[in-house]
Amino acid sequence: MSKDKVATLSSVAWHISSYSANGSGQCVEAGAFTDGSNAYAVRDSEHPAHGHLTFTRNEWAAFVAGVTD
């Protein structure tokens, strides 16, 4: 990931699953970059500074399609 992309992580519109609200500590949040890059990011909401995964729009769509089948 480029330094430019790291700088825009603050512009990710993060969303946490309602299933993660049970206090189990196993929380993941995902969101779309709002910088026009059409990229998506996923991170551990308990430890957001520990890193993240970034996906292209097509990769994210394939993931979502796979988990909703």
PDB file of N, CA and C in Angstrom:
ATOM      1  N   MET A   1       0.849  -1.179   0.000  1.00  0.00           N
ATOM      2  CA  MET A   1       0.000   0.000   0.000  1.00  0.00           C
ATOM      3  C   MET A   1       0.887   1.231   0.000  1.00  0.00           C
ATOM      4  N   SER A   2       0.529   2.199  -0.792  1.00  0.00           N
ATOM      5  CA  SER A   2       1.328   3.416  -0.906  1.00  0.00           C
ATOM      6  C   SER A   2       1.122   4.326   0.307  1.00  0.00           C
ATOM      7  N   LYS A   3       2.066   5.240   0.495  1.00  0.00           N
ATOM      8  CA  LYS A   3       1.935   6.216   1.582  1.00  0.00           C
ATOM      9  C   LYS A   3       0.703   7.082   1.384  1.00  0.00           C
ATOM     10  N   ASP A   4       0.361   7.383   0.112  1.00  0.00           N
ATOM     11  CA  ASP A   4      -0.838   8.174  -0.161  1.00  0.00           C
ATOM     12  C   ASP A   4      -2.081   7.471   0.354  1.00  0.00           C
ATOM     13  N   LYS A   5      -2.165   6.157   0.158  1.00  0.00           N
ATOM     14  CA  LYS A   5      -3.336   5.398   0.605  1.00  0.00           C
ATOM     15  C   LYS A   5      -3.389   5.361   2.135  1.00  0.00           C
ATOM     16  N   VAL A   6      -2.239   5.207   2.792  1.00  0.00           N
ATOM     17  CA  VAL A   6      -2.212   5.204   4.251  1.00  0.00           C
ATOM     18  C   VAL A   6      -2.745   6.526   4.781  1.00  0.00           C
ATOM     19  N   ALA A   7      -2.393   7.617   4.125  1.00  0.00           N
ATOM     20  CA  ALA A   7      -2.829   8.934   4.579  1.00  0.00           C
ATOM     21  C   ALA A   7      -4.341   9.095   4.474  1.00  0.00           C
ATOM     22  N   THR A   8      -4.985   8.341   3.597  1.00  0.00           N
ATOM     23  CA  THR A   8      -6.419   8.494   3.412  1.00  0.00           C
ATOM     24  C   THR A   8      -7.236   7.513   4.246  1.00  0.00           C
ATOM     25  N   LEU A   9      -6.598   6.683   5.071  1.00  0.00           N
ATOM     26  CA  LEU A   9      -7.366   5.745   5.901  1.00  0.00           C
ATOM     27  C   LEU A   9      -8.369   6.470   6.782  1.00  0.00           C
ATOM     28  N   SER A  10      -8.068   7.694   7.160  1.00  0.00           N
ATOM     29  CA  SER A  10      -9.016   8.446   7.986  1.00  0.00           C
ATOM     30  C   SER A  10     -10.279   8.791   7.205  1.00  0.00           C
ATOM     31  N   SER A  11     -10.229   8.660   5.877  1.00  0.00           N
ATOM     32  CA  SER A  11     -11.416   8.958   5.069  1.00  0.00           C
ATOM     33  C   SER A  11     -12.261   7.719   4.782  1.00  0.00           C
ATOM     34  N   VAL A  12     -11.916   6.583   5.384  1.00  0.00           N
ATOM     35  CA  VAL A  12     -12.732   5.379   5.194  1.00  0.00           C
ATOM     36  C   VAL A  12     -14.008   5.516   6.020  1.00  0.00           C
ATOM     37  N   ALA A  13     -15.129   5.231   5.406  1.00  0.00           N
ATOM     38  CA  ALA A  13     -16.423   5.262   6.104  1.00  0.00           C
ATOM     39  C   ALA A  13     -16.623   3.897   6.761  1.00  0.00           C
ATOM     40  N   TRP A  14     -16.096   3.736   7.976  1.00  0.00           N
ATOM     41  CA  TRP A  14     -16.099   2.444   8.670  1.00  0.00           C
ATOM     42  C   TRP A  14     -17.496   2.067   9.144  1.00  0.00           C
ATOM     43  N   HIS A  15     -17.806   0.775   9.042  1.00  0.00           N
ATOM     44  CA  HIS A  15     -19.071   0.220   9.528  1.00  0.00           C
ATOM     45  C   HIS A  15     -18.760  -1.050  10.299  1.00  0.00           C
ATOM     46  N   ILE A  16     -19.411  -1.222  11.429  1.00  0.00           N
ATOM     47  CA  ILE A  16     -19.230  -2.430  12.232  1.00  0.00           C
ATOM     48  C   ILE A  16     -20.521  -3.240  12.190  1.00  0.00           C
ATOM     49  N   SER A  17     -20.380  -4.526  12.128  1.00  0.00           N
ATOM     50  CA  SER A  17     -21.542  -5.406  12.064  1.00  0.00           C
ATOM     51  C   SER A  17     -22.356  -5.327  13.352  1.00  0.00           C
ATOM     52  N   SER A  18     -23.664  -5.399  13.225  1.00  0.00           N
ATOM     53  CA  SER A  18     -24.520  -5.431  14.415  1.00  0.00           C
ATOM     54  C   SER A  18     -24.274  -6.700  15.213  1.00  0.00           C
ATOM     55  N   TYR A  19     -23.742  -7.729  14.584  1.00  0.00           N
ATOM     56  CA  TYR A  19     -23.406  -8.965  15.289  1.00  0.00           C
ATOM     57  C   TYR A  19     -22.206  -8.776  16.206  1.00  0.00           C
ATOM     58  N   SER A  20     -21.432  -7.731  15.989  1.00  0.00           N
ATOM     59  CA  SER A  20     -20.249  -7.462  16.798  1.00  0.00           C
ATOM     60  C   SER A  20     -20.568  -6.660  18.048  1.00  0.00           C
ATOM     61  N   ALA A  21     -21.790  -6.269  18.227  1.00  0.00           N
ATOM     62  CA  ALA A  21     -22.171  -5.415  19.353  1.00  0.00           C
ATOM     63  C   ALA A  21     -22.408  -6.192  20.643  1.00  0.00           C
ATOM     64  N   ASN A  22     -22.128  -7.484  20.651  1.00  0.00           N
ATOM     65  CA  ASN A  22     -22.415  -8.295  21.834  1.00  0.00           C
ATOM     66  C   ASN A  22     -21.306  -8.273  22.869  1.00  0.00           C
ATOM     67  N   GLY A  23     -20.235  -7.510  22.644  1.00  0.00           N
ATOM     68  CA  GLY A  23     -19.171  -7.391  23.628  1.00  0.00           C
ATOM     69  C   GLY A  23     -18.218  -8.561  23.671  1.00  0.00           C
ATOM     70  N   SER A  24     -18.217  -9.411  22.644  1.00  0.00           N
ATOM     71  CA  SER A  24     -17.360 -10.592  22.639  1.00  0.00           C
ATOM     72  C   SER A  24     -15.904 -10.260  22.357  1.00  0.00           C
ATOM     73  N   GLY A  25     -15.621  -9.057  21.887  1.00  0.00           N
ATOM     74  CA  GLY A  25     -14.253  -8.688  21.561  1.00  0.00           C
ATOM     75  C   GLY A  25     -13.798  -9.186  20.208  1.00  0.00           C
ATOM     76  N   GLN A  26     -14.670  -9.832  19.471  1.00  0.00           N
ATOM     77  CA  GLN A  26     -14.330 -10.350  18.145  1.00  0.00           C
ATOM     78  C   GLN A  26     -15.021  -9.481  17.099  1.00  0.00           C
ATOM     79  N   CYS A  27     -14.544  -8.259  16.976  1.00  0.00           N
ATOM     80  CA  CYS A  27     -15.214  -7.278  16.124  1.00  0.00           C
ATOM     81  C   CYS A  27     -14.376  -6.954  14.897  1.00  0.00           C
ATOM     82  N   VAL A  28     -15.029  -6.929  13.771  1.00  0.00           N
ATOM     83  CA  VAL A  28     -14.404  -6.544  12.514  1.00  0.00           C
ATOM     84  C   VAL A  28     -15.228  -5.412  11.934  1.00  0.00           C
ATOM     85  N   GLU A  29     -14.550  -4.438  11.363  1.00  0.00           N
ATOM     86  CA  GLU A  29     -15.273  -3.377  10.684  1.00  0.00           C
ATOM     87  C   GLU A  29     -14.721  -3.226   9.278  1.00  0.00           C
ATOM     88  N   ALA A  30     -15.586  -2.801   8.393  1.00  0.00           N
ATOM     89  CA  ALA A  30     -15.224  -2.638   6.991  1.00  0.00           C
ATOM     90  C   ALA A  30     -15.777  -1.319   6.494  1.00  0.00           C
ATOM     91  N   GLY A  31     -15.165  -0.810   5.456  1.00  0.00           N
ATOM     92  CA  GLY A  31     -15.671   0.433   4.899  1.00  0.00           C
ATOM     93  C   GLY A  31     -15.055   0.768   3.563  1.00  0.00           C
ATOM     94  N   ALA A  32     -15.726   1.654   2.875  1.00  0.00           N
ATOM     95  CA  ALA A  32     -15.259   2.131   1.576  1.00  0.00           C
ATOM     96  C   ALA A  32     -14.439   3.401   1.751  1.00  0.00           C
ATOM     97  N   PHE A  33     -13.390   3.522   0.952  1.00  0.00           N
ATOM     98  CA  PHE A  33     -12.641   4.765   0.917  1.00  0.00           C
ATOM     99  C   PHE A  33     -13.527   5.829   0.285  1.00  0.00           C
ATOM    100  N   THR A  34     -13.494   7.022   0.823  1.00  0.00           N
ATOM    101  CA  THR A  34     -14.308   8.115   0.285  1.00  0.00           C
ATOM    102  C   THR A  34     -13.484   9.041  -0.602  1.00  0.00           C
ATOM    103  N   ASP A  35     -12.312   8.569  -1.025  1.00  0.00           N
ATOM    104  CA  ASP A  35     -11.418   9.392  -1.843  1.00  0.00           C
ATOM    105  C   ASP A  35     -11.580   9.146  -3.340  1.00  0.00           C
ATOM    106  N   GLY A  36     -12.599   8.376  -3.720  1.00  0.00           N
ATOM    107  CA  GLY A  36     -12.834   8.101  -5.128  1.00  0.00           C
ATOM    108  C   GLY A  36     -12.040   6.943  -5.687  1.00  0.00           C
ATOM    109  N   SER A  37     -11.301   6.231  -4.846  1.00  0.00           N
ATOM    110  CA  SER A  37     -10.458   5.131  -5.321  1.00  0.00           C
ATOM    111  C   SER A  37     -11.230   3.834  -5.537  1.00  0.00           C
ATOM    112  N   ASN A  38     -12.471   3.774  -5.084  1.00  0.00           N
ATOM    113  CA  ASN A  38     -13.280   2.551  -5.175  1.00  0.00           C
ATOM    114  C   ASN A  38     -12.640   1.374  -4.457  1.00  0.00           C
ATOM    115  N   ALA A  39     -11.864   1.647  -3.416  1.00  0.00           N
ATOM    116  CA  ALA A  39     -11.233   0.601  -2.623  1.00  0.00           C
ATOM    117  C   ALA A  39     -12.006   0.423  -1.317  1.00  0.00           C
ATOM    118  N   TYR A  40     -11.818  -0.745  -0.710  1.00  0.00           N
ATOM    119  CA  TYR A  40     -12.471  -1.076   0.551  1.00  0.00           C
ATOM    120  C   TYR A  40     -11.422  -1.565   1.532  1.00  0.00           C
ATOM    121  N   ALA A  41     -11.656  -1.348   2.811  1.00  0.00           N
ATOM    122  CA  ALA A  41     -10.717  -1.772   3.838  1.00  0.00           C
ATOM    123  C   ALA A  41     -11.452  -2.542   4.929  1.00  0.00           C
ATOM    124  N   VAL A  42     -10.720  -3.459   5.573  1.00  0.00           N
ATOM    125  CA  VAL A  42     -11.242  -4.256   6.683  1.00  0.00           C
ATOM    126  C   VAL A  42     -10.197  -4.215   7.790  1.00  0.00           C
ATOM    127  N   ARG A  43     -10.650  -4.068   9.043  1.00  0.00           N
ATOM    128  CA  ARG A  43      -9.721  -4.048  10.172  1.00  0.00           C
ATOM    129  C   ARG A  43     -10.394  -4.590  11.424  1.00  0.00           C
ATOM    130  N   ASP A  44      -9.586  -4.867  12.422  1.00  0.00           N
ATOM    131  CA  ASP A  44     -10.048  -5.287  13.740  1.00  0.00           C
ATOM    132  C   ASP A  44     -10.478  -4.029  14.485  1.00  0.00           C
ATOM    133  N   SER A  45     -11.745  -3.928  14.841  1.00  0.00           N
ATOM    134  CA  SER A  45     -12.223  -2.706  15.493  1.00  0.00           C
ATOM    135  C   SER A  45     -11.695  -2.551  16.912  1.00  0.00           C
ATOM    136  N   GLU A  46     -11.278  -3.645  17.533  1.00  0.00           N
ATOM    137  CA  GLU A  46     -10.701  -3.556  18.877  1.00  0.00           C
ATOM    138  C   GLU A  46      -9.283  -2.981  18.830  1.00  0.00           C
ATOM    139  N   HIS A  47      -8.581  -3.198  17.719  1.00  0.00           N
ATOM    140  CA  HIS A  47      -7.194  -2.748  17.567  1.00  0.00           C
ATOM    141  C   HIS A  47      -6.989  -2.144  16.177  1.00  0.00           C
ATOM    142  N   PRO A  48      -7.622  -1.023  15.882  1.00  0.00           N
ATOM    143  CA  PRO A  48      -7.559  -0.466  14.533  1.00  0.00           C
ATOM    144  C   PRO A  48      -6.155  -0.069  14.078  1.00  0.00           C
ATOM    145  N   ALA A  49      -5.259   0.202  14.999  1.00  0.00           N
ATOM    146  CA  ALA A  49      -3.902   0.594  14.622  1.00  0.00           C
ATOM    147  C   ALA A  49      -3.022  -0.601  14.268  1.00  0.00           C
ATOM    148  N   HIS A  50      -3.529  -1.809  14.450  1.00  0.00           N
ATOM    149  CA  HIS A  50      -2.737  -3.011  14.180  1.00  0.00           C
ATOM    150  C   HIS A  50      -2.732  -3.416  12.716  1.00  0.00           C
ATOM    151  N   GLY A  51      -3.296  -2.625  11.865  1.00  0.00           N
ATOM    152  CA  GLY A  51      -3.259  -2.925  10.440  1.00  0.00           C
ATOM    153  C   GLY A  51      -4.638  -3.155   9.861  1.00  0.00           C
ATOM    154  N   HIS A  52      -4.657  -3.330   8.565  1.00  0.00           N
ATOM    155  CA  HIS A  52      -5.909  -3.503   7.840  1.00  0.00           C
ATOM    156  C   HIS A  52      -5.622  -4.234   6.536  1.00  0.00           C
ATOM    157  N   LEU A  53      -6.650  -4.683   5.907  1.00  0.00           N
ATOM    158  CA  LEU A  53      -6.563  -5.274   4.576  1.00  0.00           C
ATOM    159  C   LEU A  53      -7.298  -4.349   3.623  1.00  0.00           C
ATOM    160  N   THR A  54      -6.754  -4.169   2.436  1.00  0.00           N
ATOM    161  CA  THR A  54      -7.381  -3.313   1.441  1.00  0.00           C
ATOM    162  C   THR A  54      -7.726  -4.141   0.212  1.00  0.00           C
ATOM    163  N   PHE A  55      -8.898  -3.895  -0.340  1.00  0.00           N
ATOM    164  CA  PHE A  55      -9.394  -4.643  -1.492  1.00  0.00           C
ATOM    165  C   PHE A  55      -9.865  -3.682  -2.575  1.00  0.00           C
ATOM    166  N   THR A  56      -9.738  -4.119  -3.827  1.00  0.00           N
ATOM    167  CA  THR A  56     -10.319  -3.352  -4.924  1.00  0.00           C
ATOM    168  C   THR A  56     -11.827  -3.549  -4.894  1.00  0.00           C
ATOM    169  N   ARG A  57     -12.524  -2.765  -5.677  1.00  0.00           N
ATOM    170  CA  ARG A  57     -13.982  -2.891  -5.751  1.00  0.00           C
ATOM    171  C   ARG A  57     -14.387  -4.300  -6.208  1.00  0.00           C
ATOM    172  N   ASN A  58     -13.704  -4.836  -7.217  1.00  0.00           N
ATOM    173  CA  ASN A  58     -14.028  -6.175  -7.717  1.00  0.00           C
ATOM    174  C   ASN A  58     -13.719  -7.261  -6.695  1.00  0.00           C
ATOM    175  N   GLU A  59     -12.605  -7.131  -5.988  1.00  0.00           N
ATOM    176  CA  GLU A  59     -12.265  -8.108  -4.948  1.00  0.00           C
ATOM    177  C   GLU A  59     -13.309  -8.096  -3.836  1.00  0.00           C
ATOM    178  N   TRP A  60     -13.722  -6.897  -3.422  1.00  0.00           N
ATOM    179  CA  TRP A  60     -14.717  -6.784  -2.356  1.00  0.00           C
ATOM    180  C   TRP A  60     -16.049  -7.374  -2.797  1.00  0.00           C
ATOM    181  N   ALA A  61     -16.456  -7.097  -4.026  1.00  0.00           N
ATOM    182  CA  ALA A  61     -17.715  -7.641  -4.548  1.00  0.00           C
ATOM    183  C   ALA A  61     -17.670  -9.165  -4.585  1.00  0.00           C
ATOM    184  N   ALA A  62     -16.535  -9.739  -4.975  1.00  0.00           N
ATOM    185  CA  ALA A  62     -16.395 -11.197  -5.005  1.00  0.00           C
ATOM    186  C   ALA A  62     -16.465 -11.777  -3.595  1.00  0.00           C
ATOM    187  N   PHE A  63     -15.839 -11.109  -2.633  1.00  0.00           N
ATOM    188  CA  PHE A  63     -15.899 -11.567  -1.245  1.00  0.00           C
ATOM    189  C   PHE A  63     -17.333 -11.553  -0.721  1.00  0.00           C
ATOM    190  N   VAL A  64     -18.015 -10.437  -0.908  1.00  0.00           N
ATOM    191  CA  VAL A  64     -19.396 -10.314  -0.428  1.00  0.00           C
ATOM    192  C   VAL A  64     -20.288 -11.359  -1.094  1.00  0.00           C
ATOM    193  N   ALA A  65     -20.122 -11.568  -2.391  1.00  0.00           N
ATOM    194  CA  ALA A  65     -20.914 -12.583  -3.092  1.00  0.00           C
ATOM    195  C   ALA A  65     -20.632 -13.970  -2.531  1.00  0.00           C
ATOM    196  N   GLY A  66     -19.380 -14.238  -2.194  1.00  0.00           N
ATOM    197  CA  GLY A  66     -19.011 -15.544  -1.655  1.00  0.00           C
ATOM    198  C   GLY A  66     -19.567 -15.813  -0.275  1.00  0.00           C
ATOM    199  N   VAL A  67     -19.604 -14.811   0.574  1.00  0.00           N
ATOM    200  CA  VAL A  67     -20.087 -15.037   1.940  1.00  0.00           C
ATOM    201  C   VAL A  67     -21.601 -14.972   2.047  1.00  0.00           C
ATOM    202  N   THR A  68     -22.267 -14.452   1.025  1.00  0.00           N
ATOM    203  CA  THR A  68     -23.731 -14.383   1.086  1.00  0.00           C
ATOM    204  C   THR A  68     -24.402 -15.525   0.340  1.00  0.00           C
ATOM    205  N   ASP A  69     -23.617 -16.392  -0.289  1.00  0.00           N
ATOM    206  CA  ASP A  69     -24.199 -17.559  -0.977  1.00  0.00           C
ATOM    207  C   ASP A  69     -24.686 -18.588   0.014  1.00  0.00           C
TER     208      ASP A  69
END
